[in-house]
Amino acid sequence: MSGPEPRTFRTMFISDVHLGSKAAKADFLIDFLRHHDADTIYLVGDIVDGWRLRRSWHWPQSHNDVVQKLLRKARKGASITYIAGNHDEFARQFQGVHFGGIVVADRAIHETADGRRLLVIHGDQFDTVVHNQRWLAYLGDYAYDAAMLVNRVVTKLRHLLGLPYWSFSSWAKVKVKKAVNFIGSFQTVLSEEARRSHVDGVICGHIHHAAIENYGDVQYINTGDWVESCTAVVEHFDGSMEILTWAHVLPGVPVGKDTLVPVDIVDLKGRAARAA
């Protein structure tokens, strides 16, 4: 018997999947894509983790399944744009090229149903560490790998105790002062870029911290990631935006309506509510 029909949106924004990394929550994303559909999909950078693949090859079947799922959506008529990030910067040399119905770009302008124009960009272009201190960016990447290892240990312990998924690294981001300051600076810089581009807002990724914030007359939207928080941004047919967080499925538990539900929905004005 087939499952329920997927929820359909006007637009879906997904970033920082990091396929090729052991930390990528590919199974979560596959299930999210199974339950959600959109006329237009933006892949907002770092979908493939070229940095880690150069260090050691890691490409399980679930990572291939994510690619196949997206290609299948393109074949069914979804308009899909792949915005390159810093971990998949190799894709920037293919701007304008179509791969199986997916077009590659460095940035894009998305027009919402209510007439707003939003700059869609990964955001690494405005990270001074990535561009001015490349060695430090790579060092930070190794440190991030260590944090992800802690995440995996915590996840296994919580599973043994019968507790749901919880991200140590996401928690640390909002507790460590330097991380909080970096996130705030990044949001400010991207909002300023939106003003310079004469658009109404910006949709980005890169820092793995989902948010919808207003900076004066400009809206800042970050899609989050599929390594720590498992979040995506969706546009409804009236132009309103939401952050969807896809809840954890305990290993070995069949995926179904009762085991995997969207939570932590955030509306355009930043008000949070819990979805039943």
Protein backbone atom coordinates (compact mmCIF):
# COMPACT_ATOMS: atom_id res chain seq x y z
CA MET A 1 0.00 0.00 0.00
CA SER A 2 1.40 3.36 -0.98
CA GLY A 3 2.10 6.02 1.65
CA PRO A 4 0.52 9.45 1.97
CA GLU A 5 0.95 11.99 -0.79
CA PRO A 6 3.96 14.29 -0.27
CA ARG A 7 3.39 17.86 0.90
CA THR A 8 3.85 20.15 -2.08
CA PHE A 9 5.39 23.62 -1.97
CA ARG A 10 6.11 26.31 -4.52
CA THR A 11 9.85 26.25 -3.77
CA MET A 12 12.26 24.24 -1.67
CA PHE A 13 15.76 25.32 -0.57
CA ILE A 14 18.29 22.72 0.63
CA SER A 15 21.98 23.20 1.40
CA ASP A 16 25.01 21.68 3.11
CA VAL A 17 24.23 18.01 2.58
CA HIS A 18 27.95 17.15 2.37
CA LEU A 19 27.56 13.94 0.39
CA GLY A 20 30.88 12.13 0.58
CA SER A 21 31.17 12.86 4.30
CA LYS A 22 30.46 10.24 6.96
CA ALA A 23 28.52 12.90 8.86
CA ALA A 24 25.98 13.44 6.06
CA LYS A 25 22.45 12.44 7.09
CA ALA A 26 21.60 11.11 3.63
CA ASP A 27 18.89 8.73 4.91
CA PHE A 28 17.11 11.64 6.60
CA LEU A 29 17.22 13.71 3.41
CA ILE A 30 15.96 10.86 1.24
CA ASP A 31 12.98 10.44 3.53
CA PHE A 32 12.39 14.21 3.60
CA LEU A 33 12.39 14.30 -0.21
CA ARG A 34 10.00 11.35 -0.24
CA HIS A 35 7.52 13.28 1.91
CA HIS A 36 8.00 16.76 0.36
CA ASP A 37 7.84 18.05 -3.20
CA ALA A 38 8.16 21.43 -4.92
CA ASP A 39 7.80 23.00 -8.34
CA THR A 40 11.24 24.62 -7.93
CA ILE A 41 14.20 23.35 -5.92
CA TYR A 42 17.40 25.23 -5.10
CA LEU A 43 20.41 23.24 -3.91
CA VAL A 44 22.22 26.04 -2.07
CA GLY A 45 25.80 24.74 -2.04
CA ASP A 46 27.96 22.09 -0.37
CA ILE A 47 25.71 19.33 -1.64
CA VAL A 48 28.80 17.25 -2.41
CA ASP A 49 31.81 17.49 -0.09
CA GLY A 50 34.78 17.60 -2.45
CA TRP A 51 37.18 18.47 0.38
CA ARG A 52 36.53 15.20 2.20
CA LEU A 53 36.37 13.11 -0.97
CA ARG A 54 39.87 14.31 -1.85
CA ARG A 55 41.10 13.12 1.55
CA SER A 56 39.37 9.73 1.46
CA TRP A 57 36.64 8.26 -0.71
CA HIS A 58 33.32 7.70 1.04
CA TRP A 59 30.24 7.23 -1.13
CA PRO A 60 27.72 4.72 0.26
CA GLN A 61 24.55 3.77 -1.56
CA SER A 62 22.47 6.24 0.44
CA HIS A 63 24.51 9.14 -0.98
CA ASN A 64 23.93 7.88 -4.49
CA ASP A 65 20.23 7.52 -3.65
CA VAL A 66 20.03 11.25 -2.79
CA VAL A 67 21.43 12.13 -6.22
CA GLN A 68 19.04 9.74 -7.95
CA LYS A 69 16.07 11.11 -5.97
CA LEU A 70 16.87 14.67 -7.09
CA LEU A 71 17.37 13.61 -10.70
CA ARG A 72 14.03 11.81 -10.55
CA LYS A 73 12.33 15.00 -9.36
CA ALA A 74 13.93 16.89 -12.26
CA ARG A 75 12.64 14.29 -14.73
CA LYS A 76 9.16 14.70 -13.28
CA GLY A 77 9.23 18.42 -14.05
CA ALA A 78 10.78 20.16 -11.04
CA SER A 79 13.05 23.08 -11.94
CA ILE A 80 16.30 22.45 -10.02
CA THR A 81 19.22 24.89 -9.69
CA TYR A 82 22.51 23.81 -8.12
CA ILE A 83 24.27 26.76 -6.46
CA ALA A 84 27.93 25.86 -5.90
CA GLY A 85 29.51 26.25 -2.45
CA ASN A 86 33.06 26.10 -1.14
CA HIS A 87 33.10 22.34 -0.55
CA ASP A 88 31.79 21.74 -4.08
CA GLU A 89 33.54 24.71 -5.68
CA PHE A 90 34.55 22.44 -8.58
CA ALA A 91 30.99 22.92 -9.83
CA ARG A 92 31.58 26.65 -10.41
CA GLN A 93 33.42 25.87 -13.64
CA PHE A 94 30.17 24.40 -15.00
CA GLN A 95 27.94 27.47 -14.53
CA GLY A 96 25.05 27.39 -16.99
CA VAL A 97 25.55 23.69 -17.76
CA HIS A 98 22.63 21.28 -17.32
CA PHE A 99 23.17 17.84 -15.79
CA GLY A 100 20.12 15.63 -16.05
CA GLY A 101 17.82 18.65 -15.87
CA ILE A 102 19.75 20.32 -13.03
CA VAL A 103 21.41 23.64 -13.95
CA VAL A 104 24.57 24.84 -12.18
CA ALA A 105 24.98 28.48 -11.06
CA ASP A 106 27.09 30.58 -8.70
CA ARG A 107 24.06 32.62 -7.57
CA ALA A 108 20.46 33.17 -8.60
CA ILE A 109 17.59 35.60 -8.08
CA HIS A 110 14.38 33.93 -6.94
CA GLU A 111 11.05 35.74 -7.23
CA THR A 112 8.51 34.71 -4.63
CA ALA A 113 4.78 34.30 -5.21
CA ASP A 114 4.16 37.65 -3.51
CA GLY A 115 6.61 39.47 -5.78
CA ARG A 116 9.74 39.71 -3.60
CA ARG A 117 13.17 39.16 -5.12
CA LEU A 118 15.62 37.06 -3.10
CA LEU A 119 19.32 36.52 -3.76
CA VAL A 120 20.16 32.81 -3.55
CA ILE A 121 23.84 32.22 -2.78
CA HIS A 122 25.83 29.73 -0.70
CA GLY A 123 27.56 32.47 1.29
CA ASP A 124 31.19 31.28 1.43
CA GLN A 125 32.11 34.24 -0.78
CA PHE A 126 31.63 36.44 2.30
CA ASP A 127 33.53 34.24 4.75
CA THR A 128 36.93 35.95 5.14
CA VAL A 129 38.51 32.80 6.61
CA VAL A 130 37.61 30.74 3.54
CA HIS A 131 39.08 33.30 1.15
CA ASN A 132 41.89 35.02 3.02
CA GLN A 133 43.20 32.23 5.24
CA ARG A 134 42.65 29.05 3.27
CA TRP A 135 44.88 26.97 5.56
CA LEU A 136 42.79 28.03 8.55
CA ALA A 137 39.61 27.02 6.73
CA TYR A 138 41.04 23.53 6.15
CA LEU A 139 42.18 23.35 9.79
CA GLY A 140 38.68 24.33 10.85
CA ASP A 141 37.33 21.58 8.63
CA TYR A 142 39.36 19.00 10.55
CA ALA A 143 38.07 20.45 13.82
CA TYR A 144 34.54 20.17 12.45
CA ASP A 145 35.20 16.48 11.67
CA ALA A 146 36.12 16.03 15.35
CA ALA A 147 32.87 17.69 16.42
CA MET A 148 30.95 15.38 14.12
CA LEU A 149 32.67 12.39 15.70
CA VAL A 150 31.43 13.60 19.09
CA ASN A 151 27.99 13.96 17.52
CA ARG A 152 28.02 10.33 16.38
CA VAL A 153 29.06 9.10 19.84
CA VAL A 154 26.34 11.18 21.51
CA THR A 155 23.77 9.93 18.99
CA LYS A 156 24.64 6.27 19.69
CA LEU A 157 24.47 6.79 23.45
CA ARG A 158 21.11 8.56 23.20
CA HIS A 159 19.80 5.75 20.98
CA LEU A 160 20.86 3.17 23.57
CA LEU A 161 18.99 5.19 26.20
CA GLY A 162 15.90 5.42 23.97
CA LEU A 163 16.27 9.18 23.49
CA PRO A 164 15.63 11.08 20.22
CA TYR A 165 18.33 12.63 18.07
CA TRP A 166 20.09 15.71 19.47
CA SER A 167 23.00 17.58 17.87
CA PHE A 168 25.88 18.42 20.18
CA SER A 169 27.52 20.65 17.57
CA SER A 170 24.32 22.64 16.97
CA TRP A 171 23.95 23.14 20.72
CA ALA A 172 27.56 24.29 20.99
CA LYS A 173 27.02 26.93 18.31
CA VAL A 174 24.50 28.80 20.39
CA LYS A 175 26.53 28.42 23.60
CA VAL A 176 30.04 29.38 22.44
CA LYS A 177 30.42 33.17 22.30
CA LYS A 178 32.78 33.20 19.31
CA ALA A 179 30.43 31.00 17.30
CA VAL A 180 27.46 33.23 18.15
CA ASN A 181 29.44 36.32 17.14
CA PHE A 182 30.49 34.71 13.85
CA ILE A 183 26.90 33.76 13.02
CA GLY A 184 25.74 37.30 13.75
CA SER A 185 28.48 38.85 11.61
CA PHE A 186 27.75 36.46 8.75
CA GLN A 187 24.04 37.33 8.82
CA THR A 188 24.83 41.05 8.79
CA VAL A 189 27.28 40.78 5.87
CA LEU A 190 24.88 38.70 3.77
CA SER A 191 22.05 41.14 4.47
CA GLU A 192 24.27 44.01 3.30
CA GLU A 193 25.02 42.08 0.10
CA ALA A 194 21.28 41.75 -0.51
CA ARG A 195 20.95 45.55 -0.24
CA ARG A 196 23.85 46.06 -2.65
CA SER A 197 22.14 43.66 -5.06
CA HIS A 198 18.89 45.69 -4.80
CA VAL A 199 16.82 42.69 -3.72
CA ASP A 200 14.44 42.13 -0.84
CA GLY A 201 16.39 39.40 0.90
CA VAL A 202 18.96 36.63 0.76
CA ILE A 203 18.75 32.85 1.05
CA CYS A 204 22.03 31.14 1.88
CA GLY A 205 23.68 28.21 3.65
CA HIS A 206 27.34 27.67 4.59
CA ILE A 207 27.23 28.16 8.39
CA HIS A 208 24.84 25.26 9.16
CA HIS A 209 22.54 27.46 11.22
CA ALA A 210 18.95 27.75 9.99
CA ALA A 211 17.31 31.12 10.52
CA ILE A 212 14.74 33.58 9.23
CA GLU A 213 15.56 37.08 10.43
CA ASN A 214 14.69 40.62 9.39
CA TYR A 215 17.52 43.16 9.13
CA GLY A 216 15.65 46.39 8.56
CA ASP A 217 14.18 46.23 5.07
CA VAL A 218 16.08 43.04 4.17
CA GLN A 219 15.24 39.47 5.09
CA TYR A 220 17.99 36.96 5.89
CA ILE A 221 17.14 33.29 5.42
CA ASN A 222 19.53 30.39 6.04
CA THR A 223 18.58 26.86 5.05
CA GLY A 224 20.62 25.10 7.74
CA ASP A 225 22.12 21.73 6.83
CA TRP A 226 21.78 17.95 6.60
CA VAL A 227 24.74 17.15 8.84
CA GLU A 228 23.59 18.52 12.19
CA SER A 229 20.08 19.98 12.21
CA CYS A 230 18.46 18.40 9.11
CA THR A 231 16.57 21.50 7.96
CA ALA A 232 15.21 22.95 4.74
CA VAL A 233 13.43 26.18 3.84
CA VAL A 234 10.20 26.02 1.87
CA GLU A 235 8.09 28.66 0.15
CA HIS A 236 4.33 28.24 0.24
CA PHE A 237 2.17 29.20 -2.71
CA ASP A 238 1.34 32.54 -1.06
CA GLY A 239 5.05 33.44 -0.85
CA SER A 240 5.44 32.82 2.90
CA MET A 241 8.57 31.00 4.05
CA GLU A 242 9.09 28.30 6.68
CA ILE A 243 11.99 26.36 8.10
CA LEU A 244 11.20 22.65 8.32
CA THR A 245 13.24 20.40 10.59
CA TRP A 246 12.95 16.71 9.83
CA ALA A 247 12.86 14.71 13.06
CA HIS A 248 15.11 11.75 13.83
CA VAL A 249 14.32 8.15 12.97
CA LEU A 250 15.92 5.69 15.37
CA PRO A 251 18.19 3.21 13.52
CA GLY A 252 16.32 0.02 12.66
CA VAL A 253 12.88 1.59 13.07
CA PRO A 254 10.77 1.47 9.88
CA VAL A 255 10.08 4.92 8.51
CA GLY A 256 6.43 5.82 8.67
CA LYS A 257 3.92 8.50 9.53
CA ASP A 258 4.29 7.87 13.25
CA THR A 259 8.11 7.72 13.36
CA LEU A 260 9.14 10.74 11.31
CA VAL A 261 7.38 14.11 11.50
CA PRO A 262 8.30 17.70 10.70
CA VAL A 263 8.96 19.88 13.76
CA ASP A 264 10.11 23.37 14.69
CA ILE A 265 8.34 25.29 11.95
CA VAL A 266 9.32 28.96 11.78
CA ASP A 267 7.26 31.54 9.87
CA LEU A 268 8.34 34.63 7.98
CA LYS A 269 8.23 36.87 11.05
CA GLY A 270 10.41 34.46 13.00
CA ARG A 271 7.68 33.15 15.28
CA ALA A 272 8.29 29.53 16.27
CA ALA A 273 5.58 26.95 16.73
CA ARG A 274 5.54 23.24 17.31
CA ALA A 275 3.95 21.03 14.68
CA ALA A 276 1.87 18.21 15.94
